[in-house]
Each structure stands twice: as structure tokens, then as C-alpha cells.
């Protein structure tokens, strides 16, 4: 490497480190993590990914949502378990990136209104949201700060032991930003098809398959989808199942917004008009403390997807009646679309939904293929060779004997007292 280039790199590193050390009373990231005994598992995981750690060492304003040791103990029982157990390092990398937020997000900045902030997860194999996959944050009664992620996962901000008696903020400050300790891993949002079974929206999942819309709703960038609940499908199921798929597609298209801005609830205030894939508009109304789209009441909002967000609604939207308005005085209005109903025990279109979509899937907003617990030990998955034992059961048994962080094999940087500086220096020089 030319001497001048080396000198430039070294001067930049030294200036960065000098600036950080000049901030008296504030630890660097390595010191902060090593001084918290409840973050040892995360420290092991982070330092296994040298490039991510080195990048963090150069940040001046970054927020890290850091799972505590108890969160690692829950991994074998979560949808992340197969990926960790099978040493799927690229998946684990994406999970780690999803816990890092650009900018400073102190705990007191959250309030009763959801905030959706981008993360470092921008790899298009795992997300298709402009600016990076989002994580939700809100302050609930207590006050308690809660972060929401894929599959409706909730992670609660935990007050570190050293701050319990001080009455200070829940934030752990380091020279590059803020560490928030959380009690559960964030789950990177999955595709529409993978997500709907989690919320008993199997009719909608099967309907998009039947109408040849599955590829679109799973891969198109920055989508907002208003999803009728199963009961809405049952009310019209006989008619919907008998209509041509092109007609069904037109109805479903009226529930899909393909805009350059994802319609998280905070982005669609009262009076917002949204253009749908069908070419007609939807109108957002906020009344009687409820959110409506046209006449339909939003039952559950802001369910994150790999390529946007979905909101669950109580009734179908009618593309032939785009100007109909909400009636907040009634819990659920009658269906605008006319049709024959099905028994409450019959869920239309459910049989069209793929059966292996409920576990954490390595398929992404743009990639194809999947990985489930049954793939452990079977060699090649969507992301290469699975480093697992001959059977899923033996893998799970042996995995519990080691920490989750230790099970993930990846190029490693050994850290010294100057951790961030020396680790970053070695990584940059090696890269050059």
C-alpha cells in the first residue's frame, strides 16, 4: 500500500480516536459493552462481525438496540432459532444490522405516538424499503419504551442495573452514540406471505396467490397494504371464490398502495388521499380515536413487512365506491361488496396459501428460496451450506450447550483495551 495512503488512513484513525478520548467521562463502545455483564453475549456477537464493529467505531451519532443476555437465551424458542443454530451468518448479520439506527434516539425522545426509524439493514436480500428497514418505537404507560419489529415482535427497553437507582435516563452513552438495552431480539420483517399467518389473515394470503399477486405483494418496493380480516372474506367468500381471478385481482389491487412513501400510521394523517394499484384513490379518516380507510375501520395497524407495511381492516374496500366515508358510530359497517357468505368455520382461499411460511424465512423482499427448522443438517439452503448436525433435534440439543453468539461463526477481530481504534485500524488496513 502506498505510504501516503497509509499515512492518511492512520491520521484519520488517530484524529477520530483523539476526539473520542477527549470526551471525558464517556466510554468508547468497547469499554461500555465490556463494563456491562448483562451484555456479554451481544459483545461476542458484535465482535464476530469485524466490518460492522469497525464501522460502529467511526460513528459519532448512532443508536444501538442491544439485546441483553436473557434475550439470547430466548433465541432457540424464537423464529430466529434455526438461523442461529445452523450458523447462517448472513442472516445473523442482517439481524445485527437491524438493531443499529442512524442518529441519536434517546429514550425521552419517544412518546405515545409511534415513531418509525430506519436501520442499517439495507441489504436487498432481506429488505425492500427505501432508506433501510424500519423499526417502530413508542412510549407506553409506565412509562415503558417498546420497540416493534417483524411478526409483531415487541422488545421492551430495560433499565441497566447501574442506572436503576440514579433516576437518570435509560440510555447508556458512549463516544459514538447511545446503547439501549432490550429484552428481546428485533425480528427483521418478513414478506407478506410469510407474515399473514401470524395474524390469522390466511384468507388474504391465499387470495393473493389465487389472483397471481403474490410475487408483487412480496417483492415490490415500498408497499402499503390494507388487509381485510378473515371474517370479511367469509362474509363474501362464496362470491369471491367463484369470480374470475382477474376480477378478484382488481378488488385486491384497490387494497394496495404503491407509493414512494410507505404508509405507516404516522405518515397518513386525517384527510390523506392514497393512490392504489387499481388507479383509484383511498381516503384516510381519523375519527372517534379510530383510523379508517374509506368506510373500513383499521383494526390493527403498522404490521411491518420486508417491503413496507400492512394494516388490518374490518371490511373490504370497494373500487366501485371510492367516495364512501367512514361511520365511526358503528363498530363494523356492512360490507359494500355484495355476495354470499360462508360458514364461520370455512376460510376462503386458505388452501392456496403455501404451507411452509410460518417460521423465520431466509427468503427476502427480492430473493427466492427459504430456510426452516427442517432444513437443518440437509446441506444447501437459500444462503449456502448449513453448518448443522445430522438432525434438527441433535442440533437443538447441542446448541443449548453453547451461547447463541458462540454458535455463529464469522471472521473475528480480537479487541484490545483500545478495542475500537485498533480493531478498526486492522480492518481498514487489511481491506486496503
Protein backbone atom coordinates (compact mmCIF):
# COMPACT_ATOMS: atom_id res chain seq x y z
CA UNK A 1 0.00 0.00 0.00
CA UNK A 2 1.47 3.42 -0.89
CA UNK A 3 2.93 5.25 2.10
CA UNK A 4 0.82 8.38 1.57
CA UNK A 5 -2.38 6.36 1.61
CA UNK A 6 -1.33 4.57 4.79
CA UNK A 7 -0.46 7.89 6.42
CA UNK A 8 -3.82 9.34 5.50
CA UNK A 9 -5.68 6.37 6.93
CA UNK A 10 -3.61 6.44 10.11
CA UNK A 11 -4.12 10.18 10.61
CA UNK A 12 -7.87 9.80 10.20
CA UNK A 13 -7.96 6.98 12.72
CA UNK A 14 -5.81 8.85 15.21
CA UNK A 15 -7.86 12.02 14.92
CA UNK A 16 -11.06 10.07 15.44
CA UNK A 17 -9.66 8.32 18.48
CA UNK A 18 -8.26 11.53 19.96
CA UNK A 19 -11.63 13.19 19.60
CA UNK A 20 -13.38 10.28 21.30
CA UNK A 21 -10.89 10.14 24.17
CA UNK A 22 -11.24 13.86 24.67
CA UNK A 23 -14.86 13.35 25.66
CA UNK A 24 -14.09 12.87 29.34
CA UNK A 25 -16.36 10.61 31.33
CA UNK A 26 -17.75 8.86 28.24
CA UNK A 27 -16.59 5.35 27.37
CA UNK A 28 -15.99 4.10 23.89
CA UNK A 29 -18.20 1.29 22.64
CA UNK A 30 -15.82 -1.49 23.63
CA UNK A 31 -15.41 -0.16 27.15
CA UNK A 32 -19.14 0.32 27.55
CA UNK A 33 -20.02 -3.19 26.41
CA UNK A 34 -17.27 -4.84 28.43
CA UNK A 35 -18.33 -3.00 31.57
CA UNK A 36 -21.88 -4.38 31.38
CA UNK A 37 -22.01 -8.00 32.44
CA UNK A 38 -25.52 -8.39 31.04
CA UNK A 39 -24.28 -7.64 27.50
CA UNK A 40 -21.54 -10.26 27.20
CA UNK A 41 -23.43 -12.31 24.59
CA UNK A 42 -24.04 -9.27 22.41
CA UNK A 43 -20.40 -8.24 22.75
CA UNK A 44 -19.31 -11.66 21.49
CA UNK A 45 -21.74 -11.46 18.58
CA UNK A 46 -20.82 -7.91 17.57
CA UNK A 47 -17.08 -8.51 17.65
CA UNK A 48 -17.55 -11.57 15.44
CA UNK A 49 -18.53 -9.21 12.61
CA UNK A 50 -15.41 -7.09 12.28
CA UNK A 51 -16.65 -4.84 9.49
CA UNK A 52 -19.80 -3.87 11.38
CA UNK A 53 -17.83 -3.28 14.56
CA UNK A 54 -15.23 -1.19 12.74
CA UNK A 55 -17.96 0.90 11.13
CA UNK A 56 -19.57 1.49 14.52
CA UNK A 57 -16.20 2.63 15.88
CA UNK A 58 -16.25 5.56 13.45
CA UNK A 59 -19.80 6.71 14.16
CA UNK A 60 -20.47 9.91 16.05
CA UNK A 61 -24.26 9.62 16.17
CA UNK A 62 -25.70 6.11 16.21
CA UNK A 63 -28.18 4.22 18.39
CA UNK A 64 -27.77 0.51 19.09
CA UNK A 65 -30.71 -1.56 20.34
CA UNK A 66 -28.77 -4.15 22.30
CA UNK A 67 -30.38 -7.46 23.34
CA UNK A 68 -29.34 -8.48 26.84
CA UNK A 69 -28.14 -11.95 27.80
CA UNK A 70 -31.68 -13.06 28.63
CA UNK A 71 -32.72 -12.20 25.06
CA UNK A 72 -30.03 -14.57 23.74
CA UNK A 73 -31.42 -17.33 25.94
CA UNK A 74 -34.77 -16.96 24.16
CA UNK A 75 -33.36 -17.44 20.65
CA UNK A 76 -33.82 -21.24 20.47
CA UNK A 77 -37.53 -20.74 21.12
CA UNK A 78 -38.00 -17.91 18.62
CA UNK A 79 -38.27 -17.72 14.85
CA UNK A 80 -34.58 -16.78 14.77
CA UNK A 81 -33.55 -20.09 16.30
CA UNK A 82 -32.95 -22.09 13.08
CA UNK A 83 -30.75 -19.37 11.56
CA UNK A 84 -28.56 -19.11 14.67
CA UNK A 85 -28.36 -22.86 15.15
CA UNK A 86 -27.39 -23.53 11.54
CA UNK A 87 -24.65 -20.88 11.50
CA UNK A 88 -26.45 -18.85 8.83
CA UNK A 89 -24.04 -15.97 9.26
CA UNK A 90 -25.56 -13.79 6.53
CA UNK A 91 -28.95 -13.98 8.20
CA UNK A 92 -27.46 -13.22 11.59
CA UNK A 93 -25.59 -10.30 10.01
CA UNK A 94 -28.89 -8.88 8.79
CA UNK A 95 -30.38 -9.31 12.27
CA UNK A 96 -27.42 -7.44 13.77
CA UNK A 97 -27.74 -4.62 11.23
CA UNK A 98 -31.43 -4.34 12.06
CA UNK A 99 -30.50 -3.38 15.64
CA UNK A 100 -28.47 -0.33 14.57
CA UNK A 101 -30.20 3.01 13.94
CA UNK A 102 -28.53 6.04 12.36
CA UNK A 103 -28.76 9.13 14.56
CA UNK A 104 -29.34 9.64 18.25
CA UNK A 105 -32.62 8.33 19.65
CA UNK A 106 -32.62 8.95 23.41
CA UNK A 107 -35.33 7.23 25.42
CA UNK A 108 -37.03 10.53 26.26
CA UNK A 109 -37.50 11.28 22.54
CA UNK A 110 -40.25 8.64 22.32
CA UNK A 111 -43.84 9.43 23.22
CA UNK A 112 -47.31 7.95 22.83
CA UNK A 113 -47.19 8.25 19.03
CA UNK A 114 -45.28 5.60 17.13
CA UNK A 115 -42.04 6.66 15.50
CA UNK A 116 -40.64 4.60 12.63
CA UNK A 117 -36.90 4.90 12.21
CA UNK A 118 -34.61 3.39 9.54
CA UNK A 119 -31.89 0.92 10.44
CA UNK A 120 -28.64 -0.28 8.95
CA UNK A 121 -30.48 -3.19 7.35
CA UNK A 122 -30.43 -2.19 3.68
CA UNK A 123 -29.35 -5.44 2.03
CA UNK A 124 -31.94 -6.07 -0.69
CA UNK A 125 -31.76 -9.79 0.04
CA UNK A 126 -33.65 -9.00 3.24
CA UNK A 127 -35.50 -5.73 2.76
CA UNK A 128 -37.00 -3.58 0.04
CA UNK A 129 -37.81 -0.37 1.89
CA UNK A 130 -36.27 2.92 0.81
CA UNK A 131 -33.66 4.16 3.28
CA UNK A 132 -33.38 0.90 5.22
CA UNK A 133 -35.79 -1.38 7.03
CA UNK A 134 -37.80 0.34 9.76
CA UNK A 135 -38.27 -0.36 13.45
CA UNK A 136 -41.15 1.12 15.44
CA UNK A 137 -40.74 2.84 18.80
CA UNK A 138 -43.34 4.11 21.25
CA UNK A 139 -43.63 5.06 24.91
CA UNK A 140 -46.42 3.27 26.74
CA UNK A 141 -47.86 3.67 30.22
CA UNK A 142 -45.32 3.23 32.99
CA UNK A 143 -43.58 4.85 31.22
CA UNK A 144 -42.19 1.93 29.24
CA UNK A 145 -40.47 2.22 25.88
CA UNK A 146 -41.35 -0.55 23.43
CA UNK A 147 -39.82 -1.32 20.04
CA UNK A 148 -41.79 -3.25 17.43
CA UNK A 149 -40.38 -5.29 14.57
CA UNK A 150 -41.34 -8.09 12.18
CA UNK A 151 -44.09 -10.58 13.03
CA UNK A 152 -45.47 -8.14 15.62
CA UNK A 153 -42.49 -8.75 17.90
CA UNK A 154 -42.22 -6.43 20.91
CA UNK A 155 -38.93 -5.60 22.62
CA UNK A 156 -39.00 -3.59 25.84
CA UNK A 157 -36.33 -1.12 26.87
CA UNK A 158 -34.63 -2.37 30.03
CA UNK A 159 -33.08 -0.01 32.55
CA UNK A 160 -29.45 -1.08 33.06
CA UNK A 161 -28.59 -2.05 36.64
CA UNK A 162 -26.17 0.82 37.12
CA UNK A 163 -28.93 3.34 36.28
CA UNK A 164 -31.77 1.84 38.36
CA UNK A 165 -31.01 3.85 41.49
CA UNK A 166 -29.78 7.02 39.83
CA UNK A 167 -33.08 8.23 38.38
CA UNK A 168 -31.20 9.06 35.19
CA UNK A 169 -32.16 8.28 31.61
CA UNK A 170 -32.27 4.65 30.49
CA UNK A 171 -29.65 5.49 27.88
CA UNK A 172 -26.12 4.13 28.04
CA UNK A 173 -23.95 6.74 26.39
CA UNK A 174 -20.70 6.04 24.57
CA UNK A 175 -18.47 8.25 22.45
CA UNK A 176 -20.31 7.35 19.27
CA UNK A 177 -23.88 7.48 20.47
CA UNK A 178 -26.41 5.57 22.59
CA UNK A 179 -26.95 1.96 23.62
CA UNK A 180 -30.48 0.88 24.56
CA UNK A 181 -30.72 -2.47 26.33
CA UNK A 182 -33.74 -4.51 25.22
CA UNK A 183 -35.23 -7.78 26.47
CA UNK A 184 -35.95 -9.44 23.09
CA UNK A 185 -34.33 -9.56 19.69
CA UNK A 186 -35.88 -7.50 16.94
CA UNK A 187 -37.12 -9.71 14.10
CA UNK A 188 -36.42 -8.40 10.59
CA UNK A 189 -39.81 -8.07 8.86
CA UNK A 190 -40.75 -10.88 6.50
CA UNK A 191 -42.74 -10.96 3.29
CA UNK A 192 -46.50 -10.60 3.12
CA UNK A 193 -46.98 -14.33 2.51
CA UNK A 194 -44.79 -15.21 5.49
CA UNK A 195 -46.42 -12.65 7.79
CA UNK A 196 -50.17 -13.10 7.26
CA UNK A 197 -50.49 -16.49 9.02
CA UNK A 198 -49.06 -14.93 12.17
CA UNK A 199 -52.13 -12.66 12.36
CA UNK A 200 -54.79 -15.13 11.18
CA UNK A 201 -55.06 -13.46 7.79
CA UNK A 202 -54.93 -16.72 5.88
CA UNK A 203 -57.78 -15.79 3.54
CA UNK A 204 -55.91 -12.72 2.30
CA UNK A 205 -52.71 -14.72 1.94
CA UNK A 206 -54.45 -17.36 -0.15
CA UNK A 207 -56.38 -14.78 -2.19
CA UNK A 208 -53.25 -13.04 -3.45
CA UNK A 209 -51.93 -16.45 -4.52
CA UNK A 210 -55.17 -17.20 -6.36
CA UNK A 211 -55.15 -13.78 -8.05
CA UNK A 212 -51.49 -14.12 -9.13
CA UNK A 213 -50.48 -11.18 -6.93
CA UNK A 214 -48.16 -12.99 -4.52
CA UNK A 215 -44.95 -12.08 -6.33
CA UNK A 216 -45.99 -8.43 -6.47
CA UNK A 217 -47.00 -8.04 -2.82
CA UNK A 218 -43.90 -9.92 -1.67
CA UNK A 219 -41.28 -8.09 -3.74
CA UNK A 220 -42.47 -4.66 -4.90
CA UNK A 221 -40.78 -1.78 -3.12
CA UNK A 222 -42.44 0.46 -0.50
CA UNK A 223 -45.92 -1.06 -0.40
CA UNK A 224 -48.80 -0.21 1.91
CA UNK A 225 -51.41 -2.98 2.05
CA UNK A 226 -54.83 -2.77 3.68
CA UNK A 227 -55.72 -6.37 4.53
CA UNK A 228 -59.33 -7.43 5.22
CA UNK A 229 -59.69 -9.75 8.19
CA UNK A 230 -60.77 -13.36 7.68
CA UNK A 231 -64.34 -12.53 8.74
CA UNK A 232 -64.60 -10.04 5.86
CA UNK A 233 -63.61 -12.78 3.42
CA UNK A 234 -66.09 -15.21 4.99
CA UNK A 235 -68.92 -12.70 4.53
CA UNK A 236 -68.30 -12.70 0.77
CA UNK A 237 -66.44 -15.96 0.37
CA UNK A 238 -68.92 -17.76 -1.87
CA UNK A 239 -68.89 -14.91 -4.37
CA UNK A 240 -65.17 -14.20 -4.19
CA UNK A 241 -64.17 -17.82 -4.74
CA UNK A 242 -66.39 -18.16 -7.80
CA UNK A 243 -65.33 -14.96 -9.59
CA UNK A 244 -62.62 -14.92 -12.28
CA UNK A 245 -59.12 -14.32 -10.90
CA UNK A 246 -58.86 -11.11 -12.96
CA UNK A 247 -61.90 -9.69 -11.18
CA UNK A 248 -60.55 -10.76 -7.80
CA UNK A 249 -57.24 -9.13 -8.68
CA UNK A 250 -58.97 -5.82 -9.42
CA UNK A 251 -60.62 -5.86 -5.99
CA UNK A 252 -57.36 -6.73 -4.24
CA UNK A 253 -55.46 -4.09 -6.24
CA UNK A 254 -57.71 -1.50 -4.62
CA UNK A 255 -56.20 -2.52 -1.26
CA UNK A 256 -52.57 -1.98 -2.36
CA UNK A 257 -50.82 1.40 -2.39
CA UNK A 258 -47.57 1.50 -4.35
CA UNK A 259 -46.16 4.90 -3.43
CA UNK A 260 -42.65 6.22 -2.93
CA UNK A 261 -43.57 6.71 0.75
CA UNK A 262 -44.64 3.79 2.92
CA UNK A 263 -47.95 4.46 4.67
CA UNK A 264 -47.02 3.91 8.30
CA UNK A 265 -49.78 5.28 10.52
CA UNK A 266 -47.67 8.33 11.34
CA UNK A 267 -47.41 9.12 7.60
CA UNK A 268 -51.15 9.03 6.85
CA UNK A 269 -52.88 11.71 8.95
CA UNK A 270 -56.55 12.58 8.71
CA UNK A 271 -57.54 13.53 5.18
CA UNK A 272 -54.66 11.76 3.43
CA UNK A 273 -55.51 10.56 -0.08
CA UNK A 274 -53.66 7.48 -1.34
CA UNK A 275 -53.45 6.24 -4.93
CA UNK A 276 -53.92 2.48 -5.23
CA UNK A 277 -52.56 -0.05 -7.70
CA UNK A 278 -56.07 -0.15 -9.18
CA UNK A 279 -55.66 3.50 -10.17
CA UNK A 280 -58.30 4.82 -7.76
CA UNK A 281 -57.96 6.73 -4.51
CA UNK A 282 -58.40 5.82 -0.87
CA UNK A 283 -59.13 8.41 1.82
CA UNK A 284 -57.80 8.20 5.37
CA UNK A 285 -60.03 9.45 8.19
CA UNK A 286 -59.25 9.73 11.88
CA UNK A 287 -62.42 9.94 13.97
CA UNK A 288 -63.55 8.85 17.45
CA UNK A 289 -59.98 7.79 18.22
CA UNK A 290 -60.01 5.31 15.34
CA UNK A 291 -58.31 5.17 11.97
CA UNK A 292 -60.43 4.49 8.87
CA UNK A 293 -59.64 3.91 5.21
CA UNK A 294 -62.75 4.86 3.21
CA UNK A 295 -65.50 3.16 5.23
CA UNK A 296 -63.34 0.38 6.72
CA UNK A 297 -62.07 0.58 10.29
CA UNK A 298 -58.39 -0.22 10.86
CA UNK A 299 -58.30 -3.00 13.45
CA UNK A 300 -54.54 -3.41 13.68
CA UNK A 301 -52.03 -1.01 12.24
CA UNK A 302 -48.34 -0.90 11.35
CA UNK A 303 -47.52 -4.59 10.87
CA UNK A 304 -44.10 -4.36 9.29
CA UNK A 305 -43.26 -6.20 6.07
CA UNK A 306 -39.95 -6.74 4.30
CA UNK A 307 -41.14 -4.31 1.61
CA UNK A 308 -43.43 -1.97 3.53
CA UNK A 309 -46.32 -2.18 5.97
CA UNK A 310 -49.80 -3.66 6.25
CA UNK A 311 -52.87 -2.57 8.20
CA UNK A 312 -55.70 -4.98 9.07
CA UNK A 313 -59.20 -3.69 8.26
CA UNK A 314 -62.65 -4.96 9.19
CA UNK A 315 -64.24 -4.87 5.72
CA UNK A 316 -63.43 -4.95 2.04
CA UNK A 317 -62.84 -1.73 0.14
CA UNK A 318 -64.98 -1.34 -2.98
CA UNK A 319 -63.24 0.05 -6.09
CA UNK A 320 -66.71 0.97 -7.41
CA UNK A 321 -67.39 3.18 -4.37
CA UNK A 322 -64.19 5.16 -3.75
CA UNK A 323 -66.01 8.14 -2.23
CA UNK A 324 -67.78 6.27 0.57
CA UNK A 325 -66.90 7.65 4.02
CA UNK A 326 -66.48 6.21 7.49
CA UNK A 327 -69.23 5.98 10.09
CA UNK A 328 -67.40 5.93 13.43
CA UNK A 329 -70.69 5.47 15.30
CA UNK A 330 -70.91 1.77 14.41
CA UNK A 331 -68.27 -0.83 15.33
CA UNK A 332 -68.31 -2.54 11.93
CA UNK A 333 -70.25 -1.42 8.90
CA UNK A 334 -71.99 -3.76 6.48
CA UNK A 335 -69.91 -4.95 3.50
CA UNK A 336 -70.11 -2.69 0.48
CA UNK A 337 -69.46 -5.57 -1.87
CA UNK A 338 -72.42 -7.87 -2.24
CA UNK A 339 -72.04 -11.62 -2.16
CA UNK A 340 -72.87 -14.91 -0.49
CA UNK A 341 -71.30 -15.74 2.83
CA UNK A 342 -69.61 -18.91 4.03
CA UNK A 343 -69.82 -20.72 7.33
CA UNK A 344 -67.68 -19.16 10.04
CA UNK A 345 -65.69 -22.40 10.07
CA UNK A 346 -64.75 -22.06 6.41
CA UNK A 347 -61.92 -19.71 5.44
CA UNK A 348 -61.96 -18.97 1.72
CA UNK A 349 -58.71 -19.21 -0.26
CA UNK A 350 -56.79 -20.58 2.75
CA UNK A 351 -55.90 -23.70 0.79
CA UNK A 352 -53.95 -21.58 -1.70
CA UNK A 353 -51.57 -20.32 0.99
CA UNK A 354 -48.18 -22.11 0.94
CA UNK A 355 -47.83 -24.36 3.97
CA UNK A 356 -44.20 -23.64 4.93
CA UNK A 357 -44.36 -19.92 5.63
CA UNK A 358 -44.68 -19.62 9.39
CA UNK A 359 -41.02 -19.89 10.52
CA UNK A 360 -38.30 -17.30 10.09
CA UNK A 361 -37.53 -17.46 6.41
CA UNK A 362 -34.30 -16.52 4.69
CA UNK A 363 -36.24 -15.59 1.59
CA UNK A 364 -36.34 -11.86 1.22
CA UNK A 365 -38.07 -8.98 -0.44
CA UNK A 366 -36.22 -9.79 -3.63
CA UNK A 367 -34.60 -13.21 -3.20
CA UNK A 368 -36.25 -16.58 -3.59
CA UNK A 369 -35.88 -19.76 -1.56
CA UNK A 370 -36.49 -20.44 2.09
CA UNK A 371 -34.98 -21.91 5.21
CA UNK A 372 -36.88 -23.57 8.02
CA UNK A 373 -36.01 -25.71 11.02
CA UNK A 374 -36.47 -28.84 8.92
CA UNK A 375 -33.58 -27.73 6.68
CA UNK A 376 -31.01 -28.06 9.46
CA UNK A 377 -28.42 -30.65 8.57
CA UNK A 378 -29.66 -31.06 4.99
CA UNK A 379 -26.79 -29.20 3.35
CA UNK A 380 -27.65 -26.35 0.98
CA UNK A 381 -30.25 -23.71 1.88
CA UNK A 382 -31.20 -20.47 0.19
CA UNK A 383 -27.99 -18.98 1.54
CA UNK A 384 -25.48 -21.81 1.16
CA UNK A 385 -24.28 -24.69 3.25
CA UNK A 386 -25.94 -25.22 6.59
CA UNK A 387 -23.29 -25.93 9.20
CA UNK A 388 -25.52 -28.12 11.30
CA UNK A 389 -25.62 -31.65 12.66
CA UNK A 390 -27.34 -34.58 11.01
CA UNK A 391 -30.74 -33.88 12.54
CA UNK A 392 -32.70 -30.92 13.82
CA UNK A 393 -33.15 -32.45 17.23
CA UNK A 394 -29.46 -33.11 17.82
CA UNK A 395 -28.63 -29.63 16.58
CA UNK A 396 -31.06 -28.04 19.04
CA UNK A 397 -29.72 -30.17 21.90
CA UNK A 398 -26.09 -29.35 21.26
CA UNK A 399 -26.85 -25.71 20.55
CA UNK A 400 -28.26 -25.18 24.02
CA UNK A 401 -24.87 -26.06 25.48
CA UNK A 402 -23.28 -23.03 23.86
CA UNK A 403 -24.22 -19.40 23.76
CA UNK A 404 -26.13 -18.20 20.73
CA UNK A 405 -23.35 -15.76 19.90
CA UNK A 406 -20.73 -18.52 20.00
CA UNK A 407 -22.72 -20.63 17.54
CA UNK A 408 -22.33 -18.03 14.79
CA UNK A 409 -19.02 -18.46 13.05
CA UNK A 410 -17.68 -15.40 11.25
CA UNK A 411 -14.32 -13.65 10.69
CA UNK A 412 -13.29 -12.29 14.05
CA UNK A 413 -11.40 -9.26 15.32
CA UNK A 414 -9.61 -9.64 18.64
CA UNK A 415 -10.14 -6.49 20.67
CA UNK A 416 -7.63 -4.86 22.98
CA UNK A 417 -8.00 -2.08 25.52
CA UNK A 418 -8.06 0.32 22.60
CA UNK A 419 -10.72 -2.01 21.04
CA UNK A 420 -12.47 0.30 18.65
CA UNK A 421 -9.33 2.02 17.38
CA UNK A 422 -7.11 -1.00 16.88
CA UNK A 423 -9.94 -3.17 15.57
CA UNK A 424 -10.87 -0.53 13.03
CA UNK A 425 -7.24 0.06 12.07
CA UNK A 426 -6.62 -3.64 11.41
CA UNK A 427 -9.80 -3.97 9.40
CA UNK A 428 -9.20 -0.87 7.24
CA UNK A 429 -5.54 -1.66 6.57
CA UNK A 430 -6.44 -5.25 5.73
CA UNK A 431 -9.14 -4.08 3.35
CA UNK A 432 -6.70 -1.76 1.57
